[in-house]
Protein backbone atom coordinates (compact mmCIF):
# COMPACT_ATOMS: atom_id res chain seq x y z
CA UNK A 1 46.08 -9.42 129.75
CA UNK A 2 46.95 -9.92 126.07
CA UNK A 3 44.41 -9.36 123.30
CA UNK A 4 44.32 -13.11 122.70
CA UNK A 5 43.37 -13.81 126.31
CA UNK A 6 40.66 -11.12 126.18
CA UNK A 7 39.07 -12.84 123.19
CA UNK A 8 39.05 -16.19 124.95
CA UNK A 9 37.83 -14.53 128.16
CA UNK A 10 34.69 -13.42 126.30
CA UNK A 11 34.16 -16.97 124.99
CA UNK A 12 34.44 -18.38 128.49
CA UNK A 13 32.04 -15.84 130.01
CA UNK A 14 29.40 -16.72 127.42
CA UNK A 15 29.88 -20.49 127.43
CA UNK A 16 30.76 -21.18 131.03
CA UNK A 17 28.70 -18.71 133.00
CA UNK A 18 26.66 -21.51 134.57
CA UNK A 19 29.30 -24.24 134.80
CA UNK A 20 31.12 -24.74 138.10
CA UNK A 21 33.92 -27.07 138.99
CA UNK A 22 33.82 -29.68 141.75
CA UNK A 23 35.71 -27.30 144.04
CA UNK A 24 32.73 -24.97 144.14
CA UNK A 25 34.80 -22.19 142.62
CA UNK A 26 33.53 -19.19 140.70
CA UNK A 27 32.65 -19.72 137.04
CA UNK A 28 35.69 -20.31 134.86
CA UNK A 29 36.42 -17.05 133.05
CA UNK A 30 39.95 -17.36 131.74
CA UNK A 31 41.47 -19.80 129.28
CA UNK A 32 43.78 -22.25 131.02
CA UNK A 33 47.04 -23.35 129.49
CA UNK A 34 47.04 -27.08 128.77
CA UNK A 35 50.03 -29.41 129.17
CA UNK A 36 49.49 -33.01 128.09
CA UNK A 37 52.32 -35.27 129.32
CA UNK A 38 51.98 -38.41 127.24
CA UNK A 39 54.18 -41.20 128.57
CA UNK A 40 55.36 -44.18 126.53
CA UNK A 41 54.70 -47.76 127.69
CA UNK A 42 54.12 -46.75 131.31
CA UNK A 43 51.61 -49.18 132.77
CA UNK A 44 48.76 -48.66 135.20
CA UNK A 45 50.85 -49.99 138.09
CA UNK A 46 54.21 -48.36 137.28
CA UNK A 47 53.77 -45.07 139.14
CA UNK A 48 53.99 -45.11 142.91
CA UNK A 49 50.65 -43.32 143.29
CA UNK A 50 49.02 -46.19 141.37
CA UNK A 51 50.62 -48.78 143.63
CA UNK A 52 54.00 -49.16 141.95
CA UNK A 53 56.72 -50.44 144.28
CA UNK A 54 59.80 -50.48 142.06
CA UNK A 55 60.55 -46.77 141.70
CA UNK A 56 59.92 -43.51 143.51
CA UNK A 57 57.89 -41.09 141.38
CA UNK A 58 57.38 -38.04 143.64
CA UNK A 59 56.53 -35.57 140.88
CA UNK A 60 53.84 -37.76 139.35
CA UNK A 61 52.58 -38.40 142.88
CA UNK A 62 52.42 -34.64 143.48
CA UNK A 63 50.18 -34.23 140.45
CA UNK A 64 47.85 -36.89 141.83
CA UNK A 65 47.72 -35.26 145.27
CA UNK A 66 46.85 -31.92 143.71
CA UNK A 67 44.44 -33.21 141.07
CA UNK A 68 42.14 -36.07 140.17
CA UNK A 69 43.56 -39.56 139.80
CA UNK A 70 41.39 -41.61 137.46
CA UNK A 71 41.22 -45.36 137.92
CA UNK A 72 39.20 -46.24 134.80
CA UNK A 73 40.96 -44.26 132.06
CA UNK A 74 41.74 -45.81 128.69
CA UNK A 75 44.04 -45.36 125.76
CA UNK A 76 42.09 -46.44 122.70
CA UNK A 77 44.61 -49.10 121.64
CA UNK A 78 47.24 -51.33 123.18
CA UNK A 79 50.05 -49.94 120.99
CA UNK A 80 51.46 -46.49 120.40
CA UNK A 81 50.61 -45.36 116.86
CA UNK A 82 46.87 -46.08 117.01
CA UNK A 83 46.53 -44.61 120.50
CA UNK A 84 48.20 -41.38 119.41
CA UNK A 85 46.13 -41.23 116.25
CA UNK A 86 42.90 -41.63 118.22
CA UNK A 87 43.86 -39.15 120.89
CA UNK A 88 44.69 -36.41 118.37
CA UNK A 89 41.82 -37.06 115.93
CA UNK A 90 38.95 -38.21 118.13
CA UNK A 91 38.49 -41.22 115.84
CA UNK A 92 39.13 -44.84 116.73
CA UNK A 93 42.18 -45.95 114.78
CA UNK A 94 40.57 -49.21 113.67
CA UNK A 95 38.30 -47.13 111.43
CA UNK A 96 41.22 -46.07 109.22
CA UNK A 97 43.57 -48.42 107.40
CA UNK A 98 47.29 -48.01 107.91
CA UNK A 99 47.14 -46.95 111.55
CA UNK A 100 49.11 -49.87 112.98
CA UNK A 101 52.59 -49.45 114.45
CA UNK A 102 54.45 -47.49 111.79
CA UNK A 103 58.00 -47.80 110.47
CA UNK A 104 60.18 -44.73 110.79
CA UNK A 105 59.85 -43.77 107.13
CA UNK A 106 56.04 -43.93 106.96
CA UNK A 107 53.99 -41.10 105.48
CA UNK A 108 51.88 -39.04 107.88
CA UNK A 109 48.60 -40.86 108.59
CA UNK A 110 46.69 -37.77 109.72
CA UNK A 111 45.87 -35.88 106.57
CA UNK A 112 46.99 -32.24 106.47
CA UNK A 113 44.19 -29.85 107.27
CA UNK A 114 42.30 -32.27 109.49
CA UNK A 115 40.79 -30.73 112.63
CA UNK A 116 42.86 -32.34 115.35
CA UNK A 117 43.05 -31.66 119.07
CA UNK A 118 45.86 -29.21 118.31
CA UNK A 119 43.81 -27.48 115.61
CA UNK A 120 40.82 -27.14 117.94
CA UNK A 121 42.97 -25.31 120.48
CA UNK A 122 44.73 -23.28 117.81
CA UNK A 123 41.33 -22.15 116.57
CA UNK A 124 40.63 -20.97 120.12
CA UNK A 125 43.72 -18.77 120.08
CA UNK A 126 46.21 -21.11 121.70
CA UNK A 127 49.86 -21.43 120.73
CA UNK A 128 50.35 -25.13 120.09
CA UNK A 129 53.48 -27.25 120.32
CA UNK A 130 54.44 -30.93 120.18
CA UNK A 131 57.73 -32.11 121.64
CA UNK A 132 58.97 -35.69 121.87
CA UNK A 133 57.84 -38.90 120.26
CA UNK A 134 55.65 -38.56 117.17
CA UNK A 135 55.21 -41.96 115.44
CA UNK A 136 52.39 -40.82 113.18
CA UNK A 137 54.45 -40.55 110.02
CA UNK A 138 56.01 -37.65 108.12
CA UNK A 139 55.71 -36.57 104.50
CA UNK A 140 52.71 -36.74 102.20
CA UNK A 141 53.51 -40.23 100.85
CA UNK A 142 53.37 -39.11 97.24
CA UNK A 143 57.12 -39.52 96.87
CA UNK A 144 59.93 -41.09 98.88
CA UNK A 145 60.76 -38.96 101.89
CA UNK A 146 64.08 -37.14 101.53
CA UNK A 147 65.35 -36.43 105.03
CA UNK A 148 67.86 -33.92 103.68
CA UNK A 149 65.21 -31.48 102.47
CA UNK A 150 62.22 -29.73 103.98
CA UNK A 151 59.52 -32.25 104.87
CA UNK A 152 56.21 -31.33 103.29
CA UNK A 153 53.84 -32.92 105.81
CA UNK A 154 54.61 -32.56 109.52
CA UNK A 155 52.74 -31.68 112.73
CA UNK A 156 52.72 -28.09 111.47
CA UNK A 157 50.08 -29.16 108.95
CA UNK A 158 47.61 -30.53 111.49
CA UNK A 159 47.38 -27.71 114.00
CA UNK A 160 50.77 -27.39 115.69
CA UNK A 161 52.66 -24.10 115.56
CA UNK A 162 55.92 -25.72 116.65
CA UNK A 163 57.29 -29.25 116.70
CA UNK A 164 60.50 -30.85 117.91
CA UNK A 165 60.12 -34.59 117.51
CA UNK A 166 61.59 -37.96 116.70
CA UNK A 167 59.97 -39.45 113.64
CA UNK A 168 58.99 -42.75 115.24
CA UNK A 169 60.59 -44.41 118.27
CA UNK A 170 64.04 -44.72 119.79
CA UNK A 171 64.47 -48.24 118.47
CA UNK A 172 63.68 -47.27 114.87
CA UNK A 173 65.65 -45.32 112.29
CA UNK A 174 66.08 -42.49 111.52
CA UNK A 175 67.78 -41.72 114.82
CA UNK A 176 67.54 -37.94 114.45
CA UNK A 177 65.45 -35.07 115.75
CA UNK A 178 63.16 -33.16 113.40
CA UNK A 179 62.37 -29.53 114.21
CA UNK A 180 59.38 -28.21 112.31
CA UNK A 181 60.30 -29.38 108.78
CA UNK A 182 64.02 -30.13 108.98
CA UNK A 183 66.35 -32.67 110.55
CA UNK A 184 68.32 -30.98 113.31
CA UNK A 185 72.10 -30.64 112.92
CA UNK A 186 72.36 -32.34 109.55
CA UNK A 187 75.60 -31.87 107.58
CA UNK A 188 74.73 -31.46 103.87
CA UNK A 189 78.04 -33.12 103.04
CA UNK A 190 76.90 -36.25 104.89
CA UNK A 191 73.30 -36.81 103.77
CA UNK A 192 71.17 -39.31 105.61
CA UNK A 193 69.37 -42.16 103.87
CA UNK A 194 66.84 -44.58 105.32
CA UNK A 195 65.65 -47.96 104.09
CA UNK A 196 63.42 -50.50 105.82
CA UNK A 197 63.99 -53.25 103.27
CA UNK A 198 67.74 -53.66 102.89
CA UNK A 199 71.00 -52.50 104.40
CA UNK A 200 73.37 -50.03 102.79
CA UNK A 201 76.65 -51.43 101.51
CA UNK A 202 79.37 -51.61 104.14
CA UNK A 203 77.18 -50.58 107.09
CA UNK A 204 77.47 -52.77 110.21
CA UNK A 205 74.39 -54.25 111.84
CA UNK A 206 73.44 -55.67 115.19
CA UNK A 207 73.91 -59.11 113.71
CA UNK A 208 77.30 -58.65 112.06
CA UNK A 209 78.74 -56.62 114.97
CA UNK A 210 76.76 -58.05 117.86
CA UNK A 211 79.78 -58.40 120.12
CA UNK A 212 80.39 -54.64 119.94
CA UNK A 213 76.94 -53.59 121.14
CA UNK A 214 76.66 -51.80 124.47
CA UNK A 215 73.10 -53.11 124.74
CA UNK A 216 72.39 -56.51 123.21
CA UNK A 217 69.10 -57.35 121.53
CA UNK A 218 66.75 -60.16 122.50
CA UNK A 219 64.52 -60.17 119.42
CA UNK A 220 64.64 -57.95 116.37
CA UNK A 221 66.45 -54.64 116.88
CA UNK A 222 69.48 -55.95 115.03
CA UNK A 223 69.65 -53.70 111.96
CA UNK A 224 71.66 -50.45 111.87
CA UNK A 225 73.81 -49.63 114.87
CA UNK A 226 73.66 -46.12 116.33
CA UNK A 227 75.28 -45.16 119.63
CA UNK A 228 76.24 -48.81 120.16
CA UNK A 229 72.62 -49.97 119.95
CA UNK A 230 70.94 -52.01 117.21
CA UNK A 231 67.79 -50.54 115.71
CA UNK A 232 64.87 -51.53 113.50
CA UNK A 233 65.57 -50.48 109.92
CA UNK A 234 68.67 -49.32 108.08
CA UNK A 235 70.25 -45.91 107.73
CA UNK A 236 73.50 -44.44 106.55
CA UNK A 237 75.04 -40.97 106.81
CA UNK A 238 73.76 -38.06 108.87
CA UNK A 239 76.21 -38.77 111.69
CA UNK A 240 76.28 -35.17 112.94
CA UNK A 241 72.51 -35.34 113.46
CA UNK A 242 72.36 -38.62 115.39
CA UNK A 243 70.85 -38.35 118.82
CA UNK A 244 72.55 -39.64 121.94
CA UNK A 245 70.09 -41.86 123.75
CA UNK A 246 71.38 -40.98 127.20
CA UNK A 247 70.63 -37.29 126.55
CA UNK A 248 67.20 -37.70 124.97
CA UNK A 249 65.11 -36.98 128.07
CA UNK A 250 67.12 -33.83 128.76
CA UNK A 251 66.79 -32.66 125.16
CA UNK A 252 63.03 -33.16 124.99
CA UNK A 253 62.42 -31.77 128.48
CA UNK A 254 64.59 -28.75 127.81
CA UNK A 255 62.65 -27.97 124.65
CA UNK A 256 59.36 -28.38 126.50
CA UNK A 257 60.41 -25.97 129.24
CA UNK A 258 61.62 -23.50 126.62
CA UNK A 259 58.25 -23.67 124.85
CA UNK A 260 56.47 -22.88 128.13
CA UNK A 261 58.82 -19.96 128.79
CA UNK A 262 58.34 -18.53 125.31
CA UNK A 263 54.54 -18.83 125.41
CA UNK A 264 54.00 -17.75 129.01
CA UNK A 265 52.14 -14.55 128.13
CA UNK A 266 49.44 -16.19 126.01
CA UNK A 267 47.39 -19.39 126.25
CA UNK A 268 49.32 -22.44 125.08
CA UNK A 269 48.85 -26.14 124.49
CA UNK A 270 51.91 -28.35 124.90
CA UNK A 271 51.76 -31.98 123.84
CA UNK A 272 54.84 -33.35 125.61
CA UNK A 273 55.29 -36.93 124.40
CA UNK A 274 58.15 -38.40 126.39
CA UNK A 275 60.05 -41.46 125.17
CA UNK A 276 60.64 -43.04 128.57
CA UNK A 277 60.15 -45.93 129.30
CA UNK A 278 60.08 -47.27 125.74
CA UNK A 279 63.05 -49.32 124.52
CA UNK A 280 65.93 -48.90 124.21
CA UNK A 281 66.04 -47.91 127.86
CA UNK A 282 69.23 -45.92 128.14
CA UNK A 283 68.76 -43.38 130.94
CA UNK A 284 71.24 -40.62 131.63
CA UNK A 285 74.14 -41.78 133.89
CA UNK A 286 72.79 -39.77 136.81
CA UNK A 287 69.68 -41.96 136.82
CA UNK A 288 71.48 -45.25 136.25
CA UNK A 289 71.27 -47.47 139.32
CA UNK A 290 68.54 -45.42 140.99
CA UNK A 291 66.29 -48.47 141.27
CA UNK A 292 66.72 -52.20 141.68
CA UNK A 293 64.87 -52.84 138.40
CA UNK A 294 67.69 -51.98 136.02
CA UNK A 295 67.28 -49.64 133.05
CA UNK A 296 63.48 -49.92 132.96
CA UNK A 297 63.14 -48.76 136.54
CA UNK A 298 65.82 -46.10 136.11
CA UNK A 299 64.07 -44.78 132.99
CA UNK A 300 60.87 -44.54 135.03
CA UNK A 301 62.68 -42.32 137.54
CA UNK A 302 63.99 -40.27 134.62
CA UNK A 303 60.45 -39.85 133.30
CA UNK A 304 59.35 -38.59 136.69
CA UNK A 305 62.23 -36.10 136.64
CA UNK A 306 60.86 -34.75 133.34
CA UNK A 307 57.46 -34.34 134.97
CA UNK A 308 59.12 -32.45 137.80
CA UNK A 309 60.89 -30.08 135.41
CA UNK A 310 57.57 -29.19 133.77
CA UNK A 311 55.92 -28.57 137.14
CA UNK A 312 58.89 -26.50 138.34
CA UNK A 313 58.73 -24.33 135.22
CA UNK A 314 55.03 -23.68 135.76
CA UNK A 315 55.70 -22.81 139.41
CA UNK A 316 58.62 -20.49 138.56
CA UNK A 317 56.64 -18.65 135.90
CA UNK A 318 53.57 -18.42 138.16
CA UNK A 319 51.47 -20.36 135.67
CA UNK A 320 50.48 -23.26 137.92
CA UNK A 321 47.07 -21.91 138.89
CA UNK A 322 46.00 -21.34 135.31
CA UNK A 323 47.34 -24.51 133.73
CA UNK A 324 45.65 -27.85 133.27
CA UNK A 325 48.26 -30.62 133.45
CA UNK A 326 47.34 -34.11 132.30
CA UNK A 327 49.62 -37.12 132.73
CA UNK A 328 48.75 -40.35 130.97
CA UNK A 329 50.30 -43.12 128.84
CA UNK A 330 49.83 -44.44 125.31
CA UNK A 331 49.30 -48.10 126.27
CA UNK A 332 50.07 -50.67 128.90
CA UNK A 333 53.50 -51.93 129.95
CA UNK A 334 55.89 -54.34 128.27
CA UNK A 335 58.94 -55.78 129.99
CA UNK A 336 61.10 -57.46 127.33
CA UNK A 337 60.42 -55.51 124.15
CA UNK A 338 63.55 -56.37 122.20
CA UNK A 339 66.67 -55.68 124.26
CA UNK A 340 68.54 -57.59 126.94
CA UNK A 341 68.26 -54.90 129.62
CA UNK A 342 67.46 -57.33 132.49
CA UNK A 343 63.97 -55.88 132.89
CA UNK A 344 62.46 -59.34 133.34
CA UNK A 345 65.13 -60.61 135.71
CA UNK A 346 65.05 -57.49 137.89
CA UNK A 347 61.32 -56.88 138.00
CA UNK A 348 60.97 -58.31 141.49
CA UNK A 349 57.60 -57.73 143.17
CA UNK A 350 56.79 -54.70 141.01
CA UNK A 351 53.62 -55.16 138.94
CA UNK A 352 53.68 -52.79 135.95
CA UNK A 353 50.03 -53.43 135.06
CA UNK A 354 48.87 -53.44 138.66
CA UNK A 355 46.07 -55.92 139.28
CA UNK A 356 45.24 -56.13 135.59
CA UNK A 357 45.98 -58.93 133.16
CA UNK A 358 48.05 -58.48 130.01
CA UNK A 359 49.99 -55.41 128.88
CA UNK A 360 51.09 -53.74 125.69
CA UNK A 361 49.65 -55.60 122.65
CA UNK A 362 46.86 -57.12 124.79
CA UNK A 363 43.05 -56.90 124.79
CA UNK A 364 43.00 -57.55 128.50
CA UNK A 365 42.76 -54.47 130.73
CA UNK A 366 46.52 -54.22 131.12
CA UNK A 367 46.78 -53.28 127.45
CA UNK A 368 44.67 -50.13 127.44
CA UNK A 369 43.84 -49.18 131.04
CA UNK A 370 46.42 -46.52 131.83
CA UNK A 371 47.32 -43.91 134.43
CA UNK A 372 45.45 -40.63 133.97
CA UNK A 373 45.89 -37.65 136.27
CA UNK A 374 44.42 -34.17 135.76
CA UNK A 375 45.41 -31.14 137.83
CA UNK A 376 43.96 -27.64 137.67
CA UNK A 377 44.60 -25.92 141.01
CA UNK A 378 41.71 -23.90 142.37
CA UNK A 379 39.34 -25.24 139.73
CA UNK A 380 39.47 -29.01 140.22
CA UNK A 381 39.00 -30.57 143.63
CA UNK A 382 41.67 -33.26 144.28
CA UNK A 383 40.56 -36.83 144.72
CA UNK A 384 40.02 -40.15 142.97
CA UNK A 385 37.51 -40.90 140.23
CA UNK A 386 36.39 -44.29 138.95
CA UNK A 387 34.50 -42.71 136.06
CA UNK A 388 35.16 -44.30 132.66
CA UNK A 389 37.06 -41.84 130.49
CA UNK A 390 39.05 -42.15 127.28
CA UNK A 391 41.92 -40.23 125.76
CA UNK A 392 39.87 -40.18 122.58
CA UNK A 393 37.55 -37.73 124.34
CA UNK A 394 40.10 -34.97 124.85
CA UNK A 395 39.25 -33.37 121.50
CA UNK A 396 35.54 -32.92 122.16
CA UNK A 397 36.12 -32.04 125.80
CA UNK A 398 38.65 -29.31 125.09
CA UNK A 399 36.49 -28.05 122.24
CA UNK A 400 33.77 -27.59 124.86
CA UNK A 401 36.24 -25.99 127.26
CA UNK A 402 37.02 -23.33 124.67
CA UNK A 403 33.46 -22.72 123.54
CA UNK A 404 33.61 -24.79 120.35
CA UNK A 405 31.99 -27.90 118.96
CA UNK A 406 33.69 -31.06 117.77
CA UNK A 407 32.97 -31.92 114.15
CA UNK A 408 31.40 -35.39 114.23
CA UNK A 409 32.36 -36.18 110.65
CA UNK A 410 36.05 -35.75 111.51
CA UNK A 411 36.05 -36.85 115.15
CA UNK A 412 33.13 -39.30 115.31
CA UNK A 413 34.15 -41.12 118.47
CA UNK A 414 35.13 -38.23 120.73
CA UNK A 415 32.65 -37.42 123.50
CA UNK A 416 32.46 -34.31 125.62
CA UNK A 417 33.27 -35.66 129.09
CA UNK A 418 34.51 -32.32 130.43
CA UNK A 419 32.31 -32.45 133.56
CA UNK A 420 33.87 -35.80 134.53
CA UNK A 421 37.39 -34.53 133.83
CA UNK A 422 36.89 -31.53 136.12
CA UNK A 423 34.81 -33.09 138.88
CA UNK A 424 35.48 -36.46 140.51
CA UNK A 425 31.78 -36.74 141.36
CA UNK A 426 30.60 -36.57 137.74
CA UNK A 427 30.31 -39.56 135.43
CA UNK A 428 31.97 -39.96 132.06
CA UNK A 429 31.30 -42.65 129.51
CA UNK A 430 28.94 -45.59 129.88
CA UNK A 431 31.05 -47.68 127.48
CA UNK A 432 34.33 -47.59 125.58
CA UNK A 433 35.98 -49.73 122.91
CA UNK A 434 39.39 -51.31 123.49
CA UNK A 435 41.54 -52.32 120.52
CA UNK A 436 44.43 -54.74 120.03
CA UNK A 437 44.18 -56.68 116.79
CA UNK A 438 40.47 -57.17 117.37
CA UNK A 439 37.97 -55.33 119.55
CA UNK A 440 36.63 -55.47 123.07
CA UNK A 441 34.15 -53.27 124.86
CA UNK A 442 33.72 -52.18 128.44
CA UNK A 443 30.20 -51.18 129.43
CA UNK A 444 29.75 -50.08 133.02
CA UNK A 445 31.48 -52.88 134.97
CA UNK A 446 31.22 -55.52 132.24
CA UNK A 447 33.92 -56.33 129.70
CA UNK A 448 33.31 -58.31 126.51
CA UNK A 449 36.11 -59.54 124.20
CA UNK A 450 35.15 -60.69 120.73
CA UNK A 451 36.47 -64.07 119.49
CA UNK A 452 39.67 -64.04 117.50
CA UNK A 453 41.82 -66.68 115.87
CA UNK A 454 45.52 -66.63 116.63
CA UNK A 455 47.98 -67.14 119.45
CA UNK A 456 46.98 -66.41 123.02
CA UNK A 457 50.42 -65.15 123.95
CA UNK A 458 53.05 -62.98 122.26
CA UNK A 459 56.01 -65.33 122.53
CA UNK A 460 58.63 -62.60 122.13
CA UNK A 461 57.28 -60.28 124.83
CA UNK A 462 55.56 -63.02 126.88
CA UNK A 463 52.33 -60.98 126.94
CA UNK A 464 48.87 -62.53 127.17
CA UNK A 465 47.04 -61.14 124.16
CA UNK A 466 43.47 -61.79 125.21
CA UNK A 467 42.78 -63.81 122.07
CA UNK A 468 40.42 -66.77 122.17
CA UNK A 469 38.07 -68.47 119.76
CA UNK A 470 35.13 -68.09 122.14
CA UNK A 471 33.31 -65.10 123.59
CA UNK A 472 34.82 -63.72 126.77
CA UNK A 473 32.85 -61.88 129.43
CA UNK A 474 34.23 -60.49 132.69
CA UNK A 475 32.74 -58.63 135.64
CA UNK A 476 35.46 -56.06 136.33
CA UNK A 477 33.90 -54.97 139.61
CA UNK A 478 34.55 -58.42 141.08
CA UNK A 479 37.26 -59.71 138.77
CA UNK A 480 39.56 -56.87 137.62
CA UNK A 481 42.20 -59.43 136.65
CA UNK A 482 39.82 -61.03 134.11
CA UNK A 483 40.41 -64.52 135.44
CA UNK A 484 36.89 -65.97 135.24
CA UNK A 485 35.09 -66.03 131.88
CA UNK A 486 31.37 -65.63 132.57
CA UNK A 487 30.16 -65.89 128.97
CA UNK A 488 28.42 -69.23 129.42
CA UNK A 489 26.81 -68.11 132.68
CA UNK A 490 25.41 -64.87 131.28
CA UNK A 491 24.55 -65.43 127.58
CA UNK A 492 22.09 -62.51 127.54
CA UNK A 493 24.82 -60.11 128.69
CA UNK A 494 27.08 -61.50 125.96
CA UNK A 495 24.42 -60.84 123.32
CA UNK A 496 23.83 -57.35 124.70
CA UNK A 497 27.50 -56.36 124.67
CA UNK A 498 28.20 -58.04 121.35
CA UNK A 499 25.42 -55.98 119.80
CA UNK A 500 26.66 -52.81 121.50
CA UNK A 501 30.18 -53.44 120.22
CA UNK A 502 28.98 -54.10 116.67
CA UNK A 503 26.72 -51.07 116.63
CA UNK A 504 29.40 -48.77 118.03
CA UNK A 505 32.12 -50.09 115.73
CA UNK A 506 29.89 -49.79 112.66
CA UNK A 507 28.71 -46.23 113.32
């Protein structure tokens, strides 16, 4: 056992001597590795183990068989940037300005030095790595980000020892990988420049060269063309560093497996943020045609392959028994999110949000209720839990796991729900806030959505947003699809939840 593991062993003996898991095992006395697989736009009903019918997902299903499948788990927001911010900081994103969906050239919105989930685990002696989608900004914002030089604010400044990321999303420029502080594979004789306001002279766009695109756009996504696909934003140069969309899952997964291999002799935390099934959905040719749902379904199969590669690496290195693996998603599903990939036409009977209403961008349950599976063989008894849990609670829970305390001033909304995460019989939260433009709150089986002006439907994605000018109240135990508004029938419950929402949001 390494010196690092001995130190953490002592912490665990002191702090966990009287805590047992649901499996009735001996007290936990050794620090587990932690792998957080954070999917992108995968809805509650997309995985087969959650009732999905459009794609086979055997590796995700294996995790569920061997761990706890949670049915009331929540991302904090219905879009990616705020969910990721909340998960890493333990603070609801609505509390901080500038945490909406970011452009690819945004400054980092988590200030360097902040005690994040990664920093908590690093303080406990873990090696920490992030691989995949970032979308929390890069650079300190004091000057325009120069992609051709070292970047002065990256995941390395908020607790990660290693990072291999895309700056934002696959549909946004810059279309390059960033390793630690530098763009990967950049030719200094062909510098890259990025602009979100205007195109560079002579560069084609998805509008001017639409006929040449290998994937057409349905709305937006018609700025710079890279790999035959229109993007959001403009870039020029840096051609040697451009990613190939079809290879992205292999690149990210390969880096994740390498990180596990390199850190196998000491405790590690891997935040593996896959890009599948976010647009543009361009799976590797070996996954193309694997489902009847077109690229969206095929990308879902590709995601499950990535999960399988992580599990296989843990098995091969004999790390499975001492590794917590969590699989979850940043928000609910979206079908047409900007490209003509036939996702709507080929959806068939598959229900990406399951029985829930809405999806990405929505205050209805489909926007923030997400898959959440936790496996820790020998320590966590497999099963199903309907306990309310939130991704925002990972910081405080893993602080507890490693004998530390969360700092309330920096992570005010993170709760220690470790007992519920490790035991399907234990309860988690009594209430949780959901966020998509405005706020909603779930308390026990009741859901309250605050009034909001604006459209009820996103016309580009055809998503019900949950907006209304009146109070909305739903009994999720009887009406999980939020079809019957009970606000007029139960005015006292409305007043109770409205007050709870206001008090919680104003803390």
